PDB file of N, CA and C in Angstrom:
ATOM      1  N   MET A   1     186.252  63.183 -13.768  1.00  0.00           N
ATOM      2  CA  MET A   1     185.939  64.402 -13.034  1.00  0.00           C
ATOM      3  C   MET A   1     187.122  65.295 -12.850  1.00  0.00           C
ATOM      4  N   ASN A   2     188.281  64.667 -12.511  1.00  0.00           N
ATOM      5  CA  ASN A   2     189.585  65.512 -12.435  1.00  0.00           C
ATOM      6  C   ASN A   2     190.001  66.070 -13.734  1.00  0.00           C
ATOM      7  N   ARG A   3     189.666  65.382 -14.816  1.00  0.00           N
ATOM      8  CA  ARG A   3     189.998  65.799 -16.155  1.00  0.00           C
ATOM      9  C   ARG A   3     189.226  67.108 -16.422  1.00  0.00           C
ATOM     10  N   ILE A   4     188.015  67.109 -16.028  1.00  0.00           N
ATOM     11  CA  ILE A   4     187.094  68.397 -16.285  1.00  0.00           C
ATOM     12  C   ILE A   4     187.635  69.493 -15.368  1.00  0.00           C
ATOM     13  N   LEU A   5     187.897  69.329 -14.236  1.00  0.00           N
ATOM     14  CA  LEU A   5     188.366  70.182 -13.308  1.00  0.00           C
ATOM     15  C   LEU A   5     189.826  70.906 -13.732  1.00  0.00           C
ATOM     16  N   LEU A   6     190.635  70.040 -14.355  1.00  0.00           N
ATOM     17  CA  LEU A   6     191.908  70.457 -14.821  1.00  0.00           C
ATOM     18  C   LEU A   6     191.764  71.360 -16.106  1.00  0.00           C
ATOM     19  N   GLN A   7     190.735  71.067 -16.923  1.00  0.00           N
ATOM     20  CA  GLN A   7     190.472  71.664 -18.121  1.00  0.00           C
ATOM     21  C   GLN A   7     189.899  73.174 -17.646  1.00  0.00           C
ATOM     22  N   ILE A   8     189.187  73.236 -16.746  1.00  0.00           N
ATOM     23  CA  ILE A   8     188.472  74.541 -16.223  1.00  0.00           C
ATOM     24  C   ILE A   8     189.572  75.419 -15.629  1.00  0.00           C
ATOM     25  N   VAL A   9     190.545  74.828 -14.826  1.00  0.00           N
ATOM     26  CA  VAL A   9     191.693  75.586 -14.390  1.00  0.00           C
ATOM     27  C   VAL A   9     192.506  76.087 -15.633  1.00  0.00           C
ATOM     28  N   ALA A  10     192.848  75.024 -16.503  1.00  0.00           N
ATOM     29  CA  ALA A  10     193.680  75.611 -17.588  1.00  0.00           C
ATOM     30  C   ALA A  10     193.186  76.756 -18.431  1.00  0.00           C
ATOM     31  N   VAL A  11     191.783  76.729 -18.621  1.00  0.00           N
ATOM     32  CA  VAL A  11     191.216  77.845 -19.302  1.00  0.00           C
ATOM     33  C   VAL A  11     191.209  79.116 -18.482  1.00  0.00           C
ATOM     34  N   GLY A  12     191.079  79.045 -17.149  1.00  0.00           N
ATOM     35  CA  GLY A  12     191.194  80.157 -16.248  1.00  0.00           C
ATOM     36  C   GLY A  12     192.584  80.790 -16.325  1.00  0.00           C
ATOM     37  N   VAL A  13     193.487  79.967 -16.352  1.00  0.00           N
ATOM     38  CA  VAL A  13     194.852  80.457 -16.283  1.00  0.00           C
ATOM     39  C   VAL A  13     195.329  81.031 -17.573  1.00  0.00           C
ATOM     40  N   PHE A  14     194.756  80.530 -18.751  1.00  0.00           N
ATOM     41  CA  PHE A  14     194.940  81.114 -20.125  1.00  0.00           C
ATOM     42  C   PHE A  14     194.411  82.489 -20.122  1.00  0.00           C
ATOM     43  N   PHE A  15     193.134  82.797 -19.726  1.00  0.00           N
ATOM     44  CA  PHE A  15     192.535  84.049 -19.721  1.00  0.00           C
ATOM     45  C   PHE A  15     193.208  84.982 -18.695  1.00  0.00           C
ATOM     46  N   ALA A  16     193.741  84.565 -17.642  1.00  0.00           N
ATOM     47  CA  ALA A  16     194.219  85.428 -16.654  1.00  0.00           C
ATOM     48  C   ALA A  16     195.604  85.949 -17.247  1.00  0.00           C
ATOM     49  N   VAL A  17     196.420  85.043 -17.823  1.00  0.00           N
ATOM     50  CA  VAL A  17     197.614  85.340 -18.457  1.00  0.00           C
ATOM     51  C   VAL A  17     197.567  86.191 -19.542  1.00  0.00           C
ATOM     52  N   GLY A  18     196.685  85.815 -20.493  1.00  0.00           N
ATOM     53  CA  GLY A  18     196.602  86.481 -21.847  1.00  0.00           C
ATOM     54  C   GLY A  18     195.771  87.886 -21.771  1.00  0.00           C
ATOM     55  N   GLN A  19     195.186  88.316 -20.740  1.00  0.00           N
ATOM     56  CA  GLN A  19     194.450  89.429 -20.563  1.00  0.00           C
ATOM     57  C   GLN A  19     195.524  90.523 -20.184  1.00  0.00           C
ATOM     58  N   ALA A  20     195.524  91.607 -21.055  1.00  0.00           N
ATOM     59  CA  ALA A  20     196.450  92.690 -20.844  1.00  0.00           C
ATOM     60  C   ALA A  20     195.909  93.734 -19.775  1.00  0.00           C
ATOM     61  N   LEU A  21     196.724  94.386 -19.173  1.00  0.00           N
ATOM     62  CA  LEU A  21     196.402  95.518 -18.111  1.00  0.00           C
ATOM     63  C   LEU A  21     196.063  96.715 -18.870  1.00  0.00           C
ATOM     64  N   GLN A  22     194.926  97.423 -18.462  1.00  0.00           N
ATOM     65  CA  GLN A  22     194.591  98.678 -19.111  1.00  0.00           C
ATOM     66  C   GLN A  22     194.960  99.780 -18.152  1.00  0.00           C
ATOM     67  N   CYS A  23     195.566 100.897 -18.620  1.00  0.00           N
ATOM     68  CA  CYS A  23     195.889 101.949 -17.780  1.00  0.00           C
ATOM     69  C   CYS A  23     195.575 103.258 -18.468  1.00  0.00           C
ATOM     70  N   TYR A  24     195.414 104.343 -17.667  1.00  0.00           N
ATOM     71  CA  TYR A  24     195.485 105.743 -18.187  1.00  0.00           C
ATOM     72  C   TYR A  24     196.765 106.235 -18.578  1.00  0.00           C
ATOM     73  N   GLU A  25     197.011 106.898 -19.683  1.00  0.00           N
ATOM     74  CA  GLU A  25     198.203 107.528 -20.110  1.00  0.00           C
ATOM     75  C   GLU A  25     198.110 109.079 -20.364  1.00  0.00           C
ATOM     76  N   CYS A  26     199.117 109.612 -19.842  1.00  0.00           N
ATOM     77  CA  CYS A  26     199.286 111.088 -19.926  1.00  0.00           C
ATOM     78  C   CYS A  26     200.749 111.358 -20.175  1.00  0.00           C
ATOM     79  N   LYS A  27     201.230 111.920 -21.194  1.00  0.00           N
ATOM     80  CA  LYS A  27     202.518 112.049 -21.640  1.00  0.00           C
ATOM     81  C   LYS A  27     203.218 113.095 -20.655  1.00  0.00           C
ATOM     82  N   ILE A  28     202.470 114.192 -20.525  1.00  0.00           N
ATOM     83  CA  ILE A  28     203.065 115.246 -19.545  1.00  0.00           C
ATOM     84  C   ILE A  28     201.825 116.075 -19.134  1.00  0.00           C
ATOM     85  N   GLY A  29     201.722 116.479 -17.834  1.00  0.00           N
ATOM     86  CA  GLY A  29     200.665 117.241 -17.323  1.00  0.00           C
ATOM     87  C   GLY A  29     201.354 118.340 -16.272  1.00  0.00           C
ATOM     88  N   PHE A  30     200.684 119.372 -16.185  1.00  0.00           N
ATOM     89  CA  PHE A  30     201.037 120.480 -15.358  1.00  0.00           C
ATOM     90  C   PHE A  30     200.093 120.715 -14.272  1.00  0.00           C
ATOM     91  N   TRP A  31     200.425 120.903 -13.098  1.00  0.00           N
ATOM     92  CA  TRP A  31     199.523 121.146 -11.890  1.00  0.00           C
ATOM     93  C   TRP A  31     198.610 119.820 -11.823  1.00  0.00           C
ATOM     94  N   ASN A  32     197.306 120.052 -11.813  1.00  0.00           N
ATOM     95  CA  ASN A  32     196.449 118.852 -11.676  1.00  0.00           C
ATOM     96  C   ASN A  32     195.753 118.721 -13.162  1.00  0.00           C
ATOM     97  N   LEU A  33     196.327 119.218 -14.102  1.00  0.00           N
ATOM     98  CA  LEU A  33     195.745 119.010 -15.410  1.00  0.00           C
ATOM     99  C   LEU A  33     196.671 118.050 -16.282  1.00  0.00           C
ATOM    100  N   CYS A  34     195.998 116.833 -16.583  1.00  0.00           N
ATOM    101  CA  CYS A  34     196.760 115.822 -17.316  1.00  0.00           C
ATOM    102  C   CYS A  34     195.766 115.270 -18.238  1.00  0.00           C
ATOM    103  N   ILE A  35     195.949 115.436 -19.480  1.00  0.00           N
ATOM    104  CA  ILE A  35     194.931 114.934 -20.494  1.00  0.00           C
ATOM    105  C   ILE A  35     195.231 113.384 -20.728  1.00  0.00           C
ATOM    106  N   THR A  36     194.345 112.534 -20.488  1.00  0.00           N
ATOM    107  CA  THR A  36     194.555 111.185 -20.359  1.00  0.00           C
ATOM    108  C   THR A  36     193.720 110.407 -21.548  1.00  0.00           C
ATOM    109  N   ASN A  37     194.249 109.288 -21.838  1.00  0.00           N
ATOM    110  CA  ASN A  37     193.639 108.261 -22.740  1.00  0.00           C
ATOM    111  C   ASN A  37     193.874 106.921 -22.185  1.00  0.00           C
ATOM    112  N   LYS A  38     193.183 105.811 -22.628  1.00  0.00           N
ATOM    113  CA  LYS A  38     193.389 104.565 -22.116  1.00  0.00           C
ATOM    114  C   LYS A  38     194.296 103.920 -23.138  1.00  0.00           C
ATOM    115  N   VAL A  39     195.217 103.038 -22.561  1.00  0.00           N
ATOM    116  CA  VAL A  39     196.198 102.232 -23.216  1.00  0.00           C
ATOM    117  C   VAL A  39     196.290 100.850 -22.626  1.00  0.00           C
ATOM    118  N   MET A  40     196.734  99.954 -23.469  1.00  0.00           N
ATOM    119  CA  MET A  40     196.981  98.536 -23.011  1.00  0.00           C
ATOM    120  C   MET A  40     198.360  98.359 -22.780  1.00  0.00           C
ATOM    121  N   CYS A  41     198.762  97.735 -21.562  1.00  0.00           N
ATOM    122  CA  CYS A  41     200.200  97.545 -21.295  1.00  0.00           C
ATOM    123  C   CYS A  41     200.652  96.280 -21.771  1.00  0.00           C
ATOM    124  N   ALA A  42     201.999  96.247 -22.074  1.00  0.00           N
ATOM    125  CA  ALA A  42     202.571  95.035 -22.422  1.00  0.00           C
ATOM    126  C   ALA A  42     202.783  94.135 -21.261  1.00  0.00           C
ATOM    127  N   GLN A  43     203.218  92.859 -21.505  1.00  0.00           N
ATOM    128  CA  GLN A  43     203.350  91.798 -20.473  1.00  0.00           C
ATOM    129  C   GLN A  43     204.627  92.365 -19.569  1.00  0.00           C
ATOM    130  N   GLY A  44     204.451  92.135 -18.228  1.00  0.00           N
ATOM    131  CA  GLY A  44     205.533  92.627 -17.390  1.00  0.00           C
ATOM    132  C   GLY A  44     205.465  94.150 -16.991  1.00  0.00           C
ATOM    133  N   GLU A  45     204.397  94.781 -17.358  1.00  0.00           N
ATOM    134  CA  GLU A  45     204.302  96.201 -17.109  1.00  0.00           C
ATOM    135  C   GLU A  45     203.097  96.487 -16.086  1.00  0.00           C
ATOM    136  N   ARG A  46     203.065  97.522 -15.368  1.00  0.00           N
ATOM    137  CA  ARG A  46     202.042  97.890 -14.465  1.00  0.00           C
ATOM    138  C   ARG A  46     201.700  99.360 -14.786  1.00  0.00           C
ATOM    139  N   CYS A  47     200.608  99.818 -14.352  1.00  0.00           N
ATOM    140  CA  CYS A  47     200.068 101.163 -14.330  1.00  0.00           C
ATOM    141  C   CYS A  47     200.946 101.886 -13.395  1.00  0.00           C
ATOM    142  N   PHE A  48     201.226 103.174 -13.767  1.00  0.00           N
ATOM    143  CA  PHE A  48     201.888 104.144 -12.837  1.00  0.00           C
ATOM    144  C   PHE A  48     201.535 105.567 -12.945  1.00  0.00           C
ATOM    145  N   SER A  49     201.635 106.229 -11.863  1.00  0.00           N
ATOM    146  CA  SER A  49     201.395 107.697 -11.824  1.00  0.00           C
ATOM    147  C   SER A  49     202.799 108.266 -11.408  1.00  0.00           C
ATOM    148  N   GLY A  50     203.132 109.363 -12.141  1.00  0.00           N
ATOM    149  CA  GLY A  50     204.386 110.024 -11.910  1.00  0.00           C
ATOM    150  C   GLY A  50     204.152 111.425 -11.335  1.00  0.00           C
ATOM    151  N   LYS A  51     204.938 111.908 -10.459  1.00  0.00           N
ATOM    152  CA  LYS A  51     204.843 113.273  -9.995  1.00  0.00           C
ATOM    153  C   LYS A  51     206.273 113.811  -9.846  1.00  0.00           C
ATOM    154  N   GLY A  52     206.466 115.193 -10.140  1.00  0.00           N
ATOM    155  CA  GLY A  52     207.638 115.914  -9.992  1.00  0.00           C
ATOM    156  C   GLY A  52     207.451 117.348 -10.006  1.00  0.00           C
ATOM    157  N   LYS A  53     208.674 118.140  -9.810  1.00  0.00           N
ATOM    158  CA  LYS A  53     208.589 119.432  -9.771  1.00  0.00           C
ATOM    159  C   LYS A  53     209.664 119.981 -10.785  1.00  0.00           C
ATOM    160  N   ALA A  54     209.124 120.827 -11.669  1.00  0.00           N
ATOM    161  CA  ALA A  54     210.116 121.504 -12.585  1.00  0.00           C
ATOM    162  C   ALA A  54     210.411 123.031 -12.159  1.00  0.00           C
ATOM    163  N   ALA A  55     211.570 123.240 -12.283  1.00  0.00           N
ATOM    164  CA  ALA A  55     212.197 124.593 -11.859  1.00  0.00           C
ATOM    165  C   ALA A  55     211.708 124.920 -10.336  1.00  0.00           C
ATOM    166  N   GLY A  56     211.622 123.968  -9.608  1.00  0.00           N
ATOM    167  CA  GLY A  56     211.324 123.990  -8.228  1.00  0.00           C
ATOM    168  C   GLY A  56     210.062 124.483  -7.838  1.00  0.00           C
ATOM    169  N   PHE A  57     209.004 124.821  -8.701  1.00  0.00           N
ATOM    170  CA  PHE A  57     207.739 125.180  -8.327  1.00  0.00           C
ATOM    171  C   PHE A  57     206.555 124.635  -9.166  1.00  0.00           C
ATOM    172  N   VAL A  58     206.854 124.190 -10.446  1.00  0.00           N
ATOM    173  CA  VAL A  58     205.800 123.828 -11.298  1.00  0.00           C
ATOM    174  C   VAL A  58     205.557 122.262 -11.136  1.00  0.00           C
ATOM    175  N   ASP A  59     204.353 121.883 -10.718  1.00  0.00           N
ATOM    176  CA  ASP A  59     204.156 120.448 -10.509  1.00  0.00           C
ATOM    177  C   ASP A  59     203.919 119.790 -11.971  1.00  0.00           C
ATOM    178  N   VAL A  60     204.581 118.728 -12.122  1.00  0.00           N
ATOM    179  CA  VAL A  60     204.632 117.891 -13.256  1.00  0.00           C
ATOM    180  C   VAL A  60     204.140 116.611 -13.015  1.00  0.00           C
ATOM    181  N   SER A  61     203.278 115.912 -13.910  1.00  0.00           N
ATOM    182  CA  SER A  61     202.642 114.767 -13.703  1.00  0.00           C
ATOM    183  C   SER A  61     202.719 113.929 -15.004  1.00  0.00           C
ATOM    184  N   MET A  62     202.594 112.610 -14.997  1.00  0.00           N
ATOM    185  CA  MET A  62     202.472 111.743 -16.049  1.00  0.00           C
ATOM    186  C   MET A  62     201.986 110.398 -15.598  1.00  0.00           C
ATOM    187  N   LYS A  63     201.411 109.640 -16.449  1.00  0.00           N
ATOM    188  CA  LYS A  63     200.712 108.392 -16.258  1.00  0.00           C
ATOM    189  C   LYS A  63     201.005 107.475 -17.405  1.00  0.00           C
ATOM    190  N   GLY A  64     200.795 106.058 -17.147  1.00  0.00           N
ATOM    191  CA  GLY A  64     201.060 105.192 -18.352  1.00  0.00           C
ATOM    192  C   GLY A  64     201.426 103.858 -17.782  1.00  0.00           C
ATOM    193  N   CYS A  65     202.101 103.107 -18.639  1.00  0.00           N
ATOM    194  CA  CYS A  65     202.515 101.760 -18.298  1.00  0.00           C
ATOM    195  C   CYS A  65     203.941 101.894 -18.117  1.00  0.00           C
ATOM    196  N   LEU A  66     204.493 101.071 -17.204  1.00  0.00           N
ATOM    197  CA  LEU A  66     205.867 101.109 -16.837  1.00  0.00           C
ATOM    198  C   LEU A  66     206.267  99.625 -16.486  1.00  0.00           C
ATOM    199  N   ALA A  67     207.655  99.381 -16.826  1.00  0.00           N
ATOM    200  CA  ALA A  67     208.208  98.059 -16.562  1.00  0.00           C
ATOM    201  C   ALA A  67     208.235  97.863 -15.026  1.00  0.00           C
ATOM    202  N   LEU A  68     208.002  96.805 -14.429  1.00  0.00           N
ATOM    203  CA  LEU A  68     207.949  96.381 -13.241  1.00  0.00           C
ATOM    204  C   LEU A  68     209.167  96.794 -12.372  1.00  0.00           C
ATOM    205  N   LYS A  69     210.335  96.717 -13.052  1.00  0.00           N
ATOM    206  CA  LYS A  69     211.592  96.907 -12.307  1.00  0.00           C
ATOM    207  C   LYS A  69     211.941  98.463 -12.061  1.00  0.00           C
ATOM    208  N   LYS A  70     211.051  99.224 -12.989  1.00  0.00           N
ATOM    209  CA  LYS A  70     211.154 100.658 -12.817  1.00  0.00           C
ATOM    210  C   LYS A  70     210.129 101.381 -11.719  1.00  0.00           C
ATOM    211  N   CYS A  71     209.299 100.469 -11.192  1.00  0.00           N
ATOM    212  CA  CYS A  71     208.268 100.859 -10.418  1.00  0.00           C
ATOM    213  C   CYS A  71     208.890 101.515  -9.083  1.00  0.00           C
ATOM    214  N   ASN A  72     208.208 102.468  -8.522  1.00  0.00           N
ATOM    215  CA  ASN A  72     208.547 103.200  -7.221  1.00  0.00           C
ATOM    216  C   ASN A  72     210.058 103.586  -7.228  1.00  0.00           C
ATOM    217  N   THR A  73     210.401 104.369  -8.278  1.00  0.00           N
ATOM    218  CA  THR A  73     211.656 104.751  -8.433  1.00  0.00           C
ATOM    219  C   THR A  73     211.633 106.249  -8.786  1.00  0.00           C
ATOM    220  N   THR A  74     212.746 107.093  -8.520  1.00  0.00           N
ATOM    221  CA  THR A  74     212.805 108.464  -8.864  1.00  0.00           C
ATOM    222  C   THR A  74     214.091 108.573  -9.897  1.00  0.00           C
ATOM    223  N   GLU A  75     213.567 109.293 -10.954  1.00  0.00           N
ATOM    224  CA  GLU A  75     214.670 109.491 -12.015  1.00  0.00           C
ATOM    225  C   GLU A  75     214.774 110.992 -12.472  1.00  0.00           C
ATOM    226  N   ASP A  76     215.887 111.278 -12.956  1.00  0.00           N
ATOM    227  CA  ASP A  76     216.067 112.796 -13.465  1.00  0.00           C
ATOM    228  C   ASP A  76     215.496 112.757 -15.028  1.00  0.00           C
ATOM    229  N   VAL A  77     214.745 113.695 -15.331  1.00  0.00           N
ATOM    230  CA  VAL A  77     214.174 113.905 -16.731  1.00  0.00           C
ATOM    231  C   VAL A  77     215.139 115.054 -17.404  1.00  0.00           C
ATOM    232  N   ASN A  78     215.701 114.790 -18.504  1.00  0.00           N
ATOM    233  CA  ASN A  78     216.588 115.692 -19.195  1.00  0.00           C
ATOM    234  C   ASN A  78     215.875 116.302 -20.470  1.00  0.00           C
ATOM    235  N   PHE A  79     216.152 117.423 -20.715  1.00  0.00           N
ATOM    236  CA  PHE A  79     215.679 118.020 -21.919  1.00  0.00           C
ATOM    237  C   PHE A  79     216.725 118.779 -22.703  1.00  0.00           C
ATOM    238  N   PRO A  80     216.906 118.538 -23.931  1.00  0.00           N
ATOM    239  CA  PRO A  80     216.474 117.460 -24.675  1.00  0.00           C
ATOM    240  C   PRO A  80     217.014 116.008 -24.001  1.00  0.00           C
ATOM    241  N   SER A  81     216.382 115.008 -24.453  1.00  0.00           N
ATOM    242  CA  SER A  81     216.626 113.704 -23.764  1.00  0.00           C
ATOM    243  C   SER A  81     218.108 113.239 -23.981  1.00  0.00           C
ATOM    244  N   SER A  82     218.714 113.803 -24.929  1.00  0.00           N
ATOM    245  CA  SER A  82     220.214 113.466 -25.176  1.00  0.00           C
ATOM    246  C   SER A  82     221.141 114.313 -24.294  1.00  0.00           C
ATOM    247  N   SER A  83     220.632 115.379 -23.628  1.00  0.00           N
ATOM    248  CA  SER A  83     221.522 116.182 -23.006  1.00  0.00           C
ATOM    249  C   SER A  83     221.847 115.823 -21.496  1.00  0.00           C
ATOM    250  N   ASN A  84     222.740 116.341 -20.761  1.00  0.00           N
ATOM    251  CA  ASN A  84     222.923 116.047 -19.393  1.00  0.00           C
ATOM    252  C   ASN A  84     222.314 117.020 -18.328  1.00  0.00           C
ATOM    253  N   SER A  85     221.592 117.986 -18.904  1.00  0.00           N
ATOM    254  CA  SER A  85     220.885 118.949 -17.943  1.00  0.00           C
ATOM    255  C   SER A  85     219.660 118.458 -17.575  1.00  0.00           C
ATOM    256  N   SER A  86     219.512 118.159 -16.237  1.00  0.00           N
ATOM    257  CA  SER A  86     218.243 117.710 -15.750  1.00  0.00           C
ATOM    258  C   SER A  86     217.219 118.759 -15.546  1.00  0.00           C
ATOM    259  N   ILE A  87     216.052 118.702 -15.964  1.00  0.00           N
ATOM    260  CA  ILE A  87     214.964 119.607 -15.855  1.00  0.00           C
ATOM    261  C   ILE A  87     214.236 119.289 -14.486  1.00  0.00           C
ATOM    262  N   TYR A  88     213.868 118.142 -14.288  1.00  0.00           N
ATOM    263  CA  TYR A  88     213.083 117.839 -13.092  1.00  0.00           C
ATOM    264  C   TYR A  88     213.427 116.416 -12.627  1.00  0.00           C
ATOM    265  N   LYS A  89     212.825 115.985 -11.487  1.00  0.00           N
ATOM    266  CA  LYS A  89     212.928 114.651 -10.960  1.00  0.00           C
ATOM    267  C   LYS A  89     211.539 114.089 -10.999  1.00  0.00           C
ATOM    268  N   MET A  90     211.322 112.884 -11.524  1.00  0.00           N
ATOM    269  CA  MET A  90     210.102 112.248 -11.503  1.00  0.00           C
ATOM    270  C   MET A  90     210.046 111.060 -10.631  1.00  0.00           C
ATOM    271  N   THR A  91     209.039 110.894  -9.769  1.00  0.00           N
ATOM    272  CA  THR A  91     208.912 109.764  -8.900  1.00  0.00           C
ATOM    273  C   THR A  91     207.758 109.012  -9.450  1.00  0.00           C
ATOM    274  N   LYS A  92     207.939 107.732  -9.891  1.00  0.00           N
ATOM    275  CA  LYS A  92     206.917 106.986 -10.562  1.00  0.00           C
ATOM    276  C   LYS A  92     206.424 105.867  -9.548  1.00  0.00           C
ATOM    277  N   THR A  93     205.158 105.969  -9.200  1.00  0.00           N
ATOM    278  CA  THR A  93     204.637 104.875  -8.309  1.00  0.00           C
ATOM    279  C   THR A  93     203.623 104.033  -9.051  1.00  0.00           C
ATOM    280  N   CYS A  94     203.759 102.804  -8.860  1.00  0.00           N
ATOM    281  CA  CYS A  94     203.059 101.770  -9.598  1.00  0.00           C
ATOM    282  C   CYS A  94     201.804 101.341  -8.813  1.00  0.00           C
ATOM    283  N   CYS A  95     200.785 100.775  -9.423  1.00  0.00           N
ATOM    284  CA  CYS A  95     199.646 100.335  -8.823  1.00  0.00           C
ATOM    285  C   CYS A  95     199.115  99.000  -9.512  1.00  0.00           C
ATOM    286  N   ILE A  96     198.212  98.172  -8.870  1.00  0.00           N
ATOM    287  CA  ILE A  96     197.794  97.034  -9.373  1.00  0.00           C
ATOM    288  C   ILE A  96     196.466  97.054  -9.732  1.00  0.00           C
ATOM    289  N   GLY A  97     196.002  96.671 -11.010  1.00  0.00           N
ATOM    290  CA  GLY A  97     194.614  96.597 -11.502  1.00  0.00           C
ATOM    291  C   GLY A  97     194.388  97.514 -12.627  1.00  0.00           C
ATOM    292  N   ASP A  98     193.338  97.104 -13.338  1.00  0.00           N
ATOM    293  CA  ASP A  98     192.950  98.039 -14.661  1.00  0.00           C
ATOM    294  C   ASP A  98     192.545  99.368 -14.092  1.00  0.00           C
ATOM    295  N   LEU A  99     193.032 100.388 -14.874  1.00  0.00           N
ATOM    296  CA  LEU A  99     192.727 101.816 -14.620  1.00  0.00           C
ATOM    297  C   LEU A  99     192.968 102.314 -13.207  1.00  0.00           C
ATOM    298  N   CYS A 100     193.971 101.751 -12.464  1.00  0.00           N
ATOM    299  CA  CYS A 100     194.209 102.083 -11.157  1.00  0.00           C
ATOM    300  C   CYS A 100     194.839 103.412 -10.977  1.00  0.00           C
ATOM    301  N   ASN A 101     195.398 103.961 -12.006  1.00  0.00           N
ATOM    302  CA  ASN A 101     196.210 105.156 -11.882  1.00  0.00           C
ATOM    303  C   ASN A 101     195.317 106.334 -12.465  1.00  0.00           C
ATOM    304  N   ALA A 102     193.888 106.383 -12.088  1.00  0.00           N
ATOM    305  CA  ALA A 102     193.047 107.282 -12.596  1.00  0.00           C
ATOM    306  C   ALA A 102     193.136 108.735 -12.019  1.00  0.00           C
ATOM    307  N   ALA A 103     193.193 109.042 -10.731  1.00  0.00           N
ATOM    308  CA  ALA A 103     193.171 110.353 -10.178  1.00  0.00           C
ATOM    309  C   ALA A 103     194.435 110.965  -9.872  1.00  0.00           C
ATOM    310  N   PRO A 104     194.862 112.209  -9.965  1.00  0.00           N
ATOM    311  CA  PRO A 104     193.823 113.225 -10.591  1.00  0.00           C
ATOM    312  C   PRO A 104     194.139 113.235 -12.098  1.00  0.00           C
ATOM    313  N   GLY A 105     193.267 113.824 -12.861  1.00  0.00           N
ATOM    314  CA  GLY A 105     193.481 113.854 -14.289  1.00  0.00           C
ATOM    315  C   GLY A 105     192.189 114.384 -14.984  1.00  0.00           C
ATOM    316  N   VAL A 106     192.359 114.756 -16.180  1.00  0.00           N
ATOM    317  CA  VAL A 106     191.155 115.291 -16.991  1.00  0.00           C
ATOM    318  C   VAL A 106     191.066 114.435 -18.197  1.00  0.00           C
ATOM    319  N   SER A 107     190.011 113.925 -18.583  1.00  0.00           N
ATOM    320  CA  SER A 107     189.889 113.316 -19.744  1.00  0.00           C
ATOM    321  C   SER A 107     189.683 114.207 -20.857  1.00  0.00           C
ATOM    322  N   SER A 108     190.117 113.865 -22.187  1.00  0.00           N
ATOM    323  CA  SER A 108     190.064 114.772 -23.195  1.00  0.00           C
ATOM    324  C   SER A 108     188.767 115.294 -23.592  1.00  0.00           C
ATOM    325  N   SER A 109     187.581 114.584 -23.214  1.00  0.00           N
ATOM    326  CA  SER A 109     186.350 115.004 -23.593  1.00  0.00           C
ATOM    327  C   SER A 109     185.910 116.024 -22.689  1.00  0.00           C
ATOM    328  N   VAL A 110     186.317 116.029 -21.409  1.00  0.00           N
ATOM    329  CA  VAL A 110     185.972 117.209 -20.514  1.00  0.00           C
ATOM    330  C   VAL A 110     186.738 118.295 -20.856  1.00  0.00           C
ATOM    331  N   LEU A 111     188.044 118.135 -21.344  1.00  0.00           N
ATOM    332  CA  LEU A 111     188.827 119.316 -21.733  1.00  0.00           C
ATOM    333  C   LEU A 111     188.168 119.965 -23.003  1.00  0.00           C
ATOM    334  N   VAL A 112     187.688 119.143 -23.970  1.00  0.00           N
ATOM    335  CA  VAL A 112     187.009 119.748 -25.149  1.00  0.00           C
ATOM    336  C   VAL A 112     185.778 120.578 -24.807  1.00  0.00           C
ATOM    337  N   VAL A 113     184.869 120.017 -23.987  1.00  0.00           N
ATOM    338  CA  VAL A 113     183.704 120.695 -23.514  1.00  0.00           C
ATOM    339  C   VAL A 113     183.968 122.027 -22.729  1.00  0.00           C
ATOM    340  N   THR A 114     185.029 122.033 -21.961  1.00  0.00           N
ATOM    341  CA  THR A 114     185.373 123.200 -21.131  1.00  0.00           C
ATOM    342  C   THR A 114     185.899 124.266 -22.103  1.00  0.00           C
ATOM    343  N   THR A 115     186.704 123.716 -23.158  1.00  0.00           N
ATOM    344  CA  THR A 115     187.279 124.875 -24.210  1.00  0.00           C
ATOM    345  C   THR A 115     186.081 125.437 -24.908  1.00  0.00           C
ATOM    346  N   ILE A 116     185.148 124.656 -25.404  1.00  0.00           N
ATOM    347  CA  ILE A 116     184.052 125.204 -26.108  1.00  0.00           C
ATOM    348  C   ILE A 116     183.267 126.143 -25.269  1.00  0.00           C
ATOM    349  N   PHE A 117     183.076 125.778 -24.075  1.00  0.00           N
ATOM    350  CA  PHE A 117     182.214 126.639 -23.170  1.00  0.00           C
ATOM    351  C   PHE A 117     182.979 128.019 -22.950  1.00  0.00           C
ATOM    352  N   ALA A 118     184.328 127.946 -22.783  1.00  0.00           N
ATOM    353  CA  ALA A 118     185.056 129.082 -22.535  1.00  0.00           C
ATOM    354  C   ALA A 118     185.026 129.981 -23.918  1.00  0.00           C
ATOM    355  N   LEU A 119     185.119 129.384 -25.012  1.00  0.00           N
ATOM    356  CA  LEU A 119     185.097 130.181 -26.258  1.00  0.00           C
ATOM    357  C   LEU A 119     183.652 130.766 -26.448  1.00  0.00           C
ATOM    358  N   LEU A 120     182.522 130.109 -26.071  1.00  0.00           N
ATOM    359  CA  LEU A 120     181.258 130.602 -26.205  1.00  0.00           C
ATOM    360  C   LEU A 120     181.124 131.869 -25.273  1.00  0.00           C
ATOM    361  N   MET A 121     181.571 131.564 -24.096  1.00  0.00           N
ATOM    362  CA  MET A 121     181.391 132.706 -22.966  1.00  0.00           C
ATOM    363  C   MET A 121     182.202 133.928 -23.473  1.00  0.00           C
ATOM    364  N   THR A 122     183.427 133.752 -24.027  1.00  0.00           N
ATOM    365  CA  THR A 122     184.281 134.824 -24.493  1.00  0.00           C
ATOM    366  C   THR A 122     183.450 135.677 -25.620  1.00  0.00           C
ATOM    367  N   HIS A 123     182.827 134.831 -26.631  1.00  0.00           N
ATOM    368  CA  HIS A 123     182.084 135.417 -27.651  1.00  0.00           C
ATOM    369  C   HIS A 123     180.947 136.286 -27.195  1.00  0.00           C
ATOM    370  N   ILE A 124     180.167 135.736 -26.241  1.00  0.00           N
ATOM    371  CA  ILE A 124     179.014 136.437 -25.611  1.00  0.00           C
ATOM    372  C   ILE A 124     179.513 137.688 -24.935  1.00  0.00           C
ATOM    373  N   LEU A 125     180.499 137.606 -24.068  1.00  0.00           N
ATOM    374  CA  LEU A 125     180.977 138.778 -23.279  1.00  0.00           C
ATOM    375  C   LEU A 125     181.713 139.851 -24.065  1.00  0.00           C
ATOM    376  N   VAL A 126     182.079 139.517 -25.139  1.00  0.00           N
ATOM    377  CA  VAL A 126     183.039 140.467 -25.867  1.00  0.00           C
ATOM    378  C   VAL A 126     182.125 141.217 -26.952  1.00  0.00           C
TER     379      VAL A 126
END
């Protein structure tokens, strides 16, 4: 009986460790518009949502996977990345669980439908 119980626990641990975390990813977004897709994180990473302000007034956001040691930190973002001129500061906040970094954002399918609708309305009105 103990042997069967041990095997069940071993299988459970195997699946828990081997299962990758799934997160939404958005490379860069402005205001509340962030085009997302789903990605699988590597071992030791968590989902994160990042928020910042560029030029003092433009809200910038990003989402994705982040190494655990970089969670809940603020860092300068340079452009180009090799320069010393900081464009904005990004605060990255991590969360626990699959797709926990969902809101706010816009999926690419919603953006495509909205774009097609806007083009159709423009064609009808012009």
